[in-house]
Amino acid sequence: MDLLSRMAVVAVGRTLRASDLLDGQTDKIHSANIVGLISVTRWGSLITDLAFCETLGQGPDLASPTVFSYTLPNIAIAEAAGHFRLTGPVYSIFAEHDLMKKVEQEAILWLSNHPEISAMVAGRLDIPPSYAEEKAPVAEFHIVNGKCRI
């Protein structure tokens, strides 16, 4: 599992554990809940894409299929969703400004149009490349339930 995916699993896990959505015995979502996961990103999976490009430098026959499998921004949060058995919508959106506001709006849109969804886990997942002004990785999530954050 790549670094971005590990960050997603840990951050989403911490958020779910702090809520009442996880079954304490199984560490999975209570079966009565439909919970989705949306991540906002500025850089997507660029850090993994660059790592894959490095393996291409060794020749196309030696390019890493394992690293390639993580070269989409949805993969990291899909790993987290699978780990905790989330059954709602799971995807990433890109934004350059007001990232948390945009992901919260997206989560509220899902909740207002799909009453069967119990909650949405929404947050930001990013590892900026070395040339970016912002250097620190970010993995922060929270629960959006209706119009309020938990």
N, C-alpha and C. Protein backbone atom coordinates (compact mmCIF):
# COMPACT_ATOMS: atom_id res chain seq x y z
N MET A 1 0.85 -1.18 0.00
CA MET A 1 0.00 0.00 0.00
C MET A 1 0.89 1.24 0.00
N ASP A 2 0.56 2.19 -0.85
CA ASP A 2 1.38 3.41 -0.94
C ASP A 2 1.13 4.32 0.27
N LEU A 3 1.96 5.34 0.40
CA LEU A 3 1.90 6.25 1.55
C LEU A 3 0.56 6.98 1.63
N LEU A 4 0.06 7.46 0.51
CA LEU A 4 -1.21 8.18 0.50
C LEU A 4 -2.35 7.29 1.01
N SER A 5 -2.36 6.04 0.61
CA SER A 5 -3.39 5.10 1.06
C SER A 5 -3.26 4.81 2.55
N ARG A 6 -2.04 4.64 3.02
CA ARG A 6 -1.85 4.41 4.47
C ARG A 6 -2.31 5.61 5.27
N MET A 7 -2.01 6.81 4.77
CA MET A 7 -2.48 8.03 5.44
C MET A 7 -4.01 8.06 5.49
N ALA A 8 -4.65 7.68 4.40
CA ALA A 8 -6.11 7.69 4.34
C ALA A 8 -6.71 6.70 5.34
N VAL A 9 -6.18 5.49 5.38
CA VAL A 9 -6.71 4.47 6.30
C VAL A 9 -6.58 4.93 7.74
N VAL A 10 -5.43 5.47 8.10
CA VAL A 10 -5.22 5.92 9.49
C VAL A 10 -6.13 7.10 9.83
N ALA A 11 -6.18 8.12 8.97
CA ALA A 11 -6.97 9.32 9.27
C ALA A 11 -8.47 9.03 9.29
N VAL A 12 -8.94 8.24 8.34
CA VAL A 12 -10.36 7.88 8.32
C VAL A 12 -10.68 7.01 9.52
N GLY A 13 -9.79 6.09 9.85
CA GLY A 13 -9.99 5.23 11.02
C GLY A 13 -10.09 6.03 12.31
N ARG A 14 -9.22 7.01 12.48
CA ARG A 14 -9.29 7.86 13.68
C ARG A 14 -10.61 8.61 13.75
N THR A 15 -11.05 9.10 12.62
CA THR A 15 -12.32 9.84 12.58
C THR A 15 -13.49 8.93 12.91
N LEU A 16 -13.51 7.75 12.32
CA LEU A 16 -14.61 6.82 12.59
C LEU A 16 -14.60 6.33 14.03
N ARG A 17 -13.42 6.09 14.58
CA ARG A 17 -13.33 5.63 15.98
C ARG A 17 -13.83 6.70 16.95
N ALA A 18 -13.66 7.95 16.59
CA ALA A 18 -14.13 9.04 17.45
C ALA A 18 -15.65 9.23 17.35
N SER A 19 -16.28 8.59 16.38
CA SER A 19 -17.73 8.69 16.20
C SER A 19 -18.39 7.44 16.77
N ASP A 20 -19.70 7.37 16.65
CA ASP A 20 -20.41 6.17 17.09
C ASP A 20 -20.78 5.28 15.91
N LEU A 21 -20.14 5.47 14.78
CA LEU A 21 -20.48 4.71 13.58
C LEU A 21 -19.81 3.34 13.50
N LEU A 22 -18.72 3.14 14.23
CA LEU A 22 -17.99 1.87 14.18
C LEU A 22 -18.50 0.90 15.22
N ASP A 23 -18.57 -0.36 14.84
CA ASP A 23 -18.84 -1.43 15.78
C ASP A 23 -17.54 -1.68 16.55
N GLY A 24 -17.56 -1.52 17.85
CA GLY A 24 -16.36 -1.64 18.66
C GLY A 24 -15.72 -3.01 18.62
N GLN A 25 -16.50 -4.06 18.33
CA GLN A 25 -15.96 -5.42 18.31
C GLN A 25 -15.30 -5.75 16.98
N THR A 26 -15.86 -5.25 15.88
CA THR A 26 -15.33 -5.61 14.56
C THR A 26 -14.47 -4.52 13.94
N ASP A 27 -14.55 -3.30 14.46
CA ASP A 27 -13.86 -2.15 13.87
C ASP A 27 -14.35 -1.85 12.46
N LYS A 28 -15.58 -2.24 12.17
CA LYS A 28 -16.22 -1.97 10.88
C LYS A 28 -17.47 -1.14 11.15
N ILE A 29 -18.01 -0.54 10.11
CA ILE A 29 -19.23 0.26 10.23
C ILE A 29 -20.38 -0.64 10.67
N HIS A 30 -21.21 -0.16 11.60
CA HIS A 30 -22.41 -0.90 11.97
C HIS A 30 -23.21 -1.18 10.70
N SER A 31 -23.72 -2.39 10.57
CA SER A 31 -24.39 -2.81 9.33
C SER A 31 -25.62 -1.96 8.99
N ALA A 32 -26.22 -1.31 9.97
CA ALA A 32 -27.41 -0.50 9.71
C ALA A 32 -27.06 0.84 9.06
N ASN A 33 -25.81 1.21 9.01
CA ASN A 33 -25.40 2.51 8.49
C ASN A 33 -24.84 2.43 7.08
N ILE A 34 -25.26 3.36 6.27
CA ILE A 34 -24.64 3.57 4.96
C ILE A 34 -23.81 4.84 5.11
N VAL A 35 -22.51 4.69 4.97
CA VAL A 35 -21.59 5.82 5.16
C VAL A 35 -20.72 5.96 3.92
N GLY A 36 -20.60 7.18 3.42
CA GLY A 36 -19.77 7.46 2.27
C GLY A 36 -18.48 8.17 2.67
N LEU A 37 -17.59 8.34 1.71
CA LEU A 37 -16.29 8.95 1.96
C LEU A 37 -15.90 9.82 0.76
N ILE A 38 -15.68 11.09 1.03
CA ILE A 38 -15.24 12.01 -0.02
C ILE A 38 -13.98 12.71 0.45
N SER A 39 -13.01 12.76 -0.44
CA SER A 39 -11.76 13.44 -0.14
C SER A 39 -11.56 14.55 -1.15
N VAL A 40 -11.07 15.68 -0.66
CA VAL A 40 -10.67 16.76 -1.55
C VAL A 40 -9.15 16.77 -1.60
N THR A 41 -8.62 17.07 -2.76
CA THR A 41 -7.18 17.05 -2.94
C THR A 41 -6.76 18.16 -3.89
N ARG A 42 -5.60 18.66 -3.66
CA ARG A 42 -5.02 19.62 -4.60
C ARG A 42 -4.05 18.90 -5.53
N TRP A 43 -3.38 17.88 -4.99
CA TRP A 43 -2.31 17.22 -5.73
C TRP A 43 -2.66 15.82 -6.20
N GLY A 44 -3.79 15.27 -5.77
CA GLY A 44 -4.18 13.93 -6.19
C GLY A 44 -3.15 12.90 -5.78
N SER A 45 -2.85 12.01 -6.69
CA SER A 45 -1.87 10.95 -6.42
C SER A 45 -0.52 11.27 -7.05
N LEU A 46 -0.23 12.54 -7.25
CA LEU A 46 0.99 12.95 -7.95
C LEU A 46 2.24 12.33 -7.36
N ILE A 47 2.32 12.25 -6.04
CA ILE A 47 3.53 11.70 -5.41
C ILE A 47 3.73 10.24 -5.83
N THR A 48 2.64 9.49 -5.96
CA THR A 48 2.72 8.10 -6.40
C THR A 48 2.98 8.03 -7.90
N ASP A 49 2.38 8.94 -8.65
CA ASP A 49 2.63 9.00 -10.09
C ASP A 49 4.12 9.22 -10.37
N LEU A 50 4.73 10.12 -9.60
CA LEU A 50 6.16 10.39 -9.77
C LEU A 50 7.00 9.17 -9.40
N ALA A 51 6.58 8.45 -8.37
CA ALA A 51 7.29 7.22 -7.98
C ALA A 51 7.19 6.18 -9.10
N PHE A 52 6.02 6.08 -9.73
CA PHE A 52 5.86 5.15 -10.85
C PHE A 52 6.76 5.56 -12.02
N CYS A 53 6.84 6.86 -12.29
CA CYS A 53 7.71 7.34 -13.38
C CYS A 53 9.16 6.96 -13.14
N GLU A 54 9.57 6.98 -11.87
CA GLU A 54 10.94 6.55 -11.55
C GLU A 54 11.16 5.09 -11.93
N THR A 55 10.15 4.24 -11.71
CA THR A 55 10.32 2.83 -12.07
C THR A 55 10.35 2.66 -13.58
N LEU A 56 9.70 3.55 -14.32
CA LEU A 56 9.74 3.49 -15.79
C LEU A 56 11.15 3.76 -16.32
N GLY A 57 11.92 4.53 -15.55
CA GLY A 57 13.29 4.83 -15.96
C GLY A 57 14.16 3.60 -16.07
N GLN A 58 13.75 2.51 -15.44
CA GLN A 58 14.48 1.25 -15.51
C GLN A 58 14.09 0.44 -16.74
N GLY A 59 13.16 0.96 -17.51
CA GLY A 59 12.67 0.27 -18.70
C GLY A 59 11.24 -0.17 -18.50
N PRO A 60 10.47 -0.21 -19.59
CA PRO A 60 9.05 -0.54 -19.47
C PRO A 60 8.78 -1.93 -18.89
N ASP A 61 9.69 -2.85 -19.10
CA ASP A 61 9.49 -4.20 -18.56
C ASP A 61 9.71 -4.24 -17.05
N LEU A 62 10.38 -3.25 -16.49
CA LEU A 62 10.66 -3.23 -15.06
C LEU A 62 9.79 -2.22 -14.29
N ALA A 63 8.86 -1.56 -14.98
CA ALA A 63 7.96 -0.63 -14.30
C ALA A 63 7.11 -1.40 -13.30
N SER A 64 6.91 -0.81 -12.15
CA SER A 64 6.22 -1.50 -11.05
C SER A 64 4.70 -1.53 -11.23
N PRO A 65 4.12 -2.71 -11.43
CA PRO A 65 2.66 -2.80 -11.51
C PRO A 65 2.01 -2.50 -10.16
N THR A 66 2.71 -2.77 -9.07
CA THR A 66 2.17 -2.48 -7.75
C THR A 66 2.03 -0.98 -7.55
N VAL A 67 3.07 -0.22 -7.88
CA VAL A 67 3.00 1.23 -7.74
C VAL A 67 1.96 1.79 -8.71
N PHE A 68 1.92 1.25 -9.93
CA PHE A 68 0.95 1.72 -10.92
C PHE A 68 -0.48 1.62 -10.40
N SER A 69 -0.78 0.58 -9.64
CA SER A 69 -2.15 0.38 -9.16
C SER A 69 -2.60 1.46 -8.18
N TYR A 70 -1.69 2.31 -7.72
CA TYR A 70 -2.05 3.40 -6.80
C TYR A 70 -1.97 4.78 -7.46
N THR A 71 -1.95 4.83 -8.79
CA THR A 71 -1.76 6.10 -9.48
C THR A 71 -3.06 6.84 -9.80
N LEU A 72 -4.12 6.57 -9.08
CA LEU A 72 -5.36 7.33 -9.19
C LEU A 72 -5.72 7.87 -7.81
N PRO A 73 -6.19 9.10 -7.73
CA PRO A 73 -6.48 9.68 -6.41
C PRO A 73 -7.60 8.97 -5.66
N ASN A 74 -8.48 8.27 -6.36
CA ASN A 74 -9.56 7.54 -5.68
C ASN A 74 -9.07 6.29 -4.96
N ILE A 75 -7.94 5.76 -5.35
CA ILE A 75 -7.45 4.50 -4.79
C ILE A 75 -7.21 4.62 -3.29
N ALA A 76 -6.60 5.70 -2.84
CA ALA A 76 -6.27 5.86 -1.42
C ALA A 76 -7.52 5.81 -0.56
N ILE A 77 -8.56 6.55 -0.95
CA ILE A 77 -9.76 6.53 -0.12
C ILE A 77 -10.57 5.25 -0.32
N ALA A 78 -10.41 4.61 -1.48
CA ALA A 78 -11.05 3.31 -1.67
C ALA A 78 -10.45 2.27 -0.72
N GLU A 79 -9.14 2.37 -0.49
CA GLU A 79 -8.50 1.47 0.49
C GLU A 79 -9.12 1.67 1.87
N ALA A 80 -9.31 2.92 2.27
CA ALA A 80 -9.91 3.21 3.58
C ALA A 80 -11.36 2.73 3.62
N ALA A 81 -12.10 2.99 2.56
CA ALA A 81 -13.51 2.57 2.51
C ALA A 81 -13.62 1.05 2.61
N GLY A 82 -12.76 0.34 1.91
CA GLY A 82 -12.77 -1.11 1.98
C GLY A 82 -12.39 -1.63 3.35
N HIS A 83 -11.41 -1.00 3.96
CA HIS A 83 -10.95 -1.44 5.28
C HIS A 83 -12.06 -1.35 6.32
N PHE A 84 -12.85 -0.28 6.27
CA PHE A 84 -13.90 -0.07 7.27
C PHE A 84 -15.29 -0.46 6.76
N ARG A 85 -15.34 -1.03 5.56
CA ARG A 85 -16.59 -1.50 4.94
C ARG A 85 -17.62 -0.39 4.76
N LEU A 86 -17.16 0.73 4.26
CA LEU A 86 -18.09 1.82 3.94
C LEU A 86 -18.85 1.45 2.68
N THR A 87 -20.15 1.68 2.66
CA THR A 87 -20.98 1.25 1.54
C THR A 87 -21.62 2.42 0.79
N GLY A 88 -21.33 3.64 1.17
CA GLY A 88 -21.86 4.80 0.47
C GLY A 88 -20.93 5.23 -0.65
N PRO A 89 -21.19 6.39 -1.24
CA PRO A 89 -20.33 6.89 -2.32
C PRO A 89 -18.91 7.16 -1.82
N VAL A 90 -17.94 6.84 -2.67
CA VAL A 90 -16.52 7.02 -2.32
C VAL A 90 -15.81 7.61 -3.54
N TYR A 91 -15.27 8.82 -3.39
CA TYR A 91 -14.52 9.42 -4.49
C TYR A 91 -13.75 10.65 -4.03
N SER A 92 -12.87 11.12 -4.91
CA SER A 92 -12.06 12.32 -4.65
C SER A 92 -12.50 13.44 -5.57
N ILE A 93 -12.37 14.66 -5.07
CA ILE A 93 -12.58 15.83 -5.91
C ILE A 93 -11.31 16.69 -5.85
N PHE A 94 -11.07 17.42 -6.90
CA PHE A 94 -9.92 18.32 -6.95
C PHE A 94 -10.38 19.75 -6.71
N ALA A 95 -9.57 20.50 -5.99
CA ALA A 95 -9.83 21.92 -5.76
C ALA A 95 -8.51 22.61 -5.45
N GLU A 96 -8.44 23.89 -5.76
CA GLU A 96 -7.24 24.68 -5.45
C GLU A 96 -7.46 25.59 -4.26
N HIS A 97 -8.71 26.00 -4.02
CA HIS A 97 -9.01 26.95 -2.95
C HIS A 97 -10.23 26.46 -2.17
N ASP A 98 -10.32 26.86 -0.92
CA ASP A 98 -11.46 26.51 -0.07
C ASP A 98 -11.73 25.01 -0.09
N LEU A 99 -10.68 24.22 0.05
CA LEU A 99 -10.80 22.78 -0.10
C LEU A 99 -11.81 22.16 0.87
N MET A 100 -11.69 22.47 2.15
CA MET A 100 -12.58 21.85 3.13
C MET A 100 -14.03 22.30 2.92
N LYS A 101 -14.22 23.53 2.55
CA LYS A 101 -15.58 24.03 2.29
C LYS A 101 -16.20 23.26 1.12
N LYS A 102 -15.43 23.02 0.07
CA LYS A 102 -15.94 22.32 -1.10
C LYS A 102 -16.29 20.87 -0.80
N VAL A 103 -15.46 20.19 -0.02
CA VAL A 103 -15.74 18.79 0.28
C VAL A 103 -16.94 18.68 1.22
N GLU A 104 -17.09 19.63 2.14
CA GLU A 104 -18.26 19.62 3.02
C GLU A 104 -19.54 19.88 2.23
N GLN A 105 -19.49 20.80 1.28
CA GLN A 105 -20.66 21.06 0.44
C GLN A 105 -21.05 19.81 -0.35
N GLU A 106 -20.06 19.11 -0.85
CA GLU A 106 -20.31 17.88 -1.61
C GLU A 106 -20.97 16.83 -0.71
N ALA A 107 -20.47 16.68 0.50
CA ALA A 107 -21.03 15.71 1.44
C ALA A 107 -22.47 16.07 1.80
N ILE A 108 -22.73 17.34 2.05
CA ILE A 108 -24.08 17.78 2.40
C ILE A 108 -25.03 17.55 1.22
N LEU A 109 -24.55 17.75 0.01
CA LEU A 109 -25.36 17.49 -1.18
C LEU A 109 -25.80 16.03 -1.23
N TRP A 110 -24.87 15.12 -0.96
CA TRP A 110 -25.22 13.70 -0.93
C TRP A 110 -26.26 13.41 0.15
N LEU A 111 -26.03 13.95 1.33
CA LEU A 111 -26.94 13.68 2.44
C LEU A 111 -28.33 14.27 2.20
N SER A 112 -28.40 15.42 1.58
CA SER A 112 -29.71 16.04 1.35
C SER A 112 -30.48 15.37 0.22
N ASN A 113 -29.80 14.73 -0.71
CA ASN A 113 -30.46 14.07 -1.84
C ASN A 113 -30.63 12.57 -1.68
N HIS A 114 -29.98 11.99 -0.68
CA HIS A 114 -30.04 10.54 -0.47
C HIS A 114 -30.25 10.25 1.01
N PRO A 115 -31.50 10.27 1.46
CA PRO A 115 -31.78 10.09 2.89
C PRO A 115 -31.35 8.74 3.44
N GLU A 116 -31.10 7.78 2.58
CA GLU A 116 -30.64 6.47 3.04
C GLU A 116 -29.20 6.49 3.55
N ILE A 117 -28.45 7.54 3.21
CA ILE A 117 -27.07 7.67 3.67
C ILE A 117 -27.07 8.21 5.10
N SER A 118 -26.45 7.48 6.01
CA SER A 118 -26.41 7.86 7.43
C SER A 118 -25.47 9.04 7.67
N ALA A 119 -24.32 9.02 7.03
CA ALA A 119 -23.31 10.05 7.25
C ALA A 119 -22.29 9.98 6.12
N MET A 120 -21.53 11.06 6.00
CA MET A 120 -20.42 11.10 5.06
C MET A 120 -19.16 11.45 5.84
N VAL A 121 -18.09 10.75 5.53
CA VAL A 121 -16.78 11.13 6.05
C VAL A 121 -16.18 12.03 4.97
N ALA A 122 -15.82 13.23 5.35
CA ALA A 122 -15.32 14.20 4.38
C ALA A 122 -14.02 14.80 4.88
N GLY A 123 -13.09 15.02 3.96
CA GLY A 123 -11.84 15.61 4.40
C GLY A 123 -10.86 15.81 3.27
N ARG A 124 -9.65 16.14 3.67
CA ARG A 124 -8.58 16.43 2.72
C ARG A 124 -7.47 15.41 2.86
N LEU A 125 -6.95 14.99 1.71
CA LEU A 125 -5.83 14.05 1.67
C LEU A 125 -4.86 14.54 0.60
N ASP A 126 -3.65 14.90 1.03
CA ASP A 126 -2.67 15.46 0.09
C ASP A 126 -1.25 15.22 0.56
N ILE A 127 -0.39 14.92 -0.38
CA ILE A 127 1.05 14.95 -0.17
C ILE A 127 1.61 15.86 -1.26
N PRO A 128 1.96 17.09 -0.90
CA PRO A 128 2.48 18.01 -1.91
C PRO A 128 3.83 17.53 -2.46
N PRO A 129 4.09 17.77 -3.75
CA PRO A 129 5.40 17.43 -4.30
C PRO A 129 6.46 18.37 -3.74
N SER A 130 7.71 18.02 -3.93
CA SER A 130 8.82 18.78 -3.33
C SER A 130 8.88 20.23 -3.81
N TYR A 131 8.38 20.51 -4.99
CA TYR A 131 8.47 21.87 -5.52
C TYR A 131 7.31 22.77 -5.05
N ALA A 132 6.35 22.24 -4.35
CA ALA A 132 5.19 23.03 -3.90
C ALA A 132 5.57 23.94 -2.73
N GLU A 133 4.89 25.07 -2.63
CA GLU A 133 5.11 25.97 -1.49
C GLU A 133 4.69 25.30 -0.19
N GLU A 134 3.55 24.65 -0.24
CA GLU A 134 3.03 23.94 0.93
C GLU A 134 3.70 22.57 0.97
N LYS A 135 4.45 22.29 2.02
CA LYS A 135 5.25 21.06 2.06
C LYS A 135 4.65 19.94 2.90
N ALA A 136 3.84 20.28 3.88
CA ALA A 136 3.38 19.27 4.83
C ALA A 136 2.26 18.41 4.26
N PRO A 137 2.35 17.09 4.43
CA PRO A 137 1.24 16.22 4.05
C PRO A 137 0.01 16.53 4.91
N VAL A 138 -1.16 16.32 4.35
CA VAL A 138 -2.41 16.58 5.06
C VAL A 138 -3.32 15.37 4.95
N ALA A 139 -3.83 14.91 6.08
CA ALA A 139 -4.84 13.85 6.11
C ALA A 139 -5.78 14.19 7.26
N GLU A 140 -6.84 14.91 6.96
CA GLU A 140 -7.78 15.31 8.00
C GLU A 140 -9.21 15.05 7.52
N PHE A 141 -9.97 14.37 8.34
CA PHE A 141 -11.34 14.01 8.00
C PHE A 141 -12.25 14.28 9.18
N HIS A 142 -13.52 14.44 8.90
CA HIS A 142 -14.54 14.55 9.94
C HIS A 142 -15.85 13.97 9.41
N ILE A 143 -16.77 13.77 10.30
CA ILE A 143 -18.07 13.22 9.94
C ILE A 143 -19.02 14.37 9.63
N VAL A 144 -19.70 14.28 8.50
CA VAL A 144 -20.76 15.23 8.17
C VAL A 144 -22.06 14.44 8.24
N ASN A 145 -22.96 14.91 9.08
CA ASN A 145 -24.23 14.24 9.29
C ASN A 145 -25.32 15.28 9.13
N GLY A 146 -26.01 15.26 8.00
CA GLY A 146 -26.98 16.31 7.73
C GLY A 146 -26.25 17.61 7.50
N LYS A 147 -26.56 18.62 8.26
CA LYS A 147 -25.90 19.91 8.10
C LYS A 147 -24.89 20.17 9.19
N CYS A 148 -24.66 19.21 10.05
CA CYS A 148 -23.72 19.46 11.15
C CYS A 148 -22.54 18.49 11.07
N ARG A 149 -21.41 18.96 11.53
CA ARG A 149 -20.22 18.12 11.62
C ARG A 149 -20.21 17.48 12.99
N ILE A 150 -19.79 16.23 13.03
CA ILE A 150 -19.65 15.52 14.31
C ILE A 150 -18.18 15.42 14.63
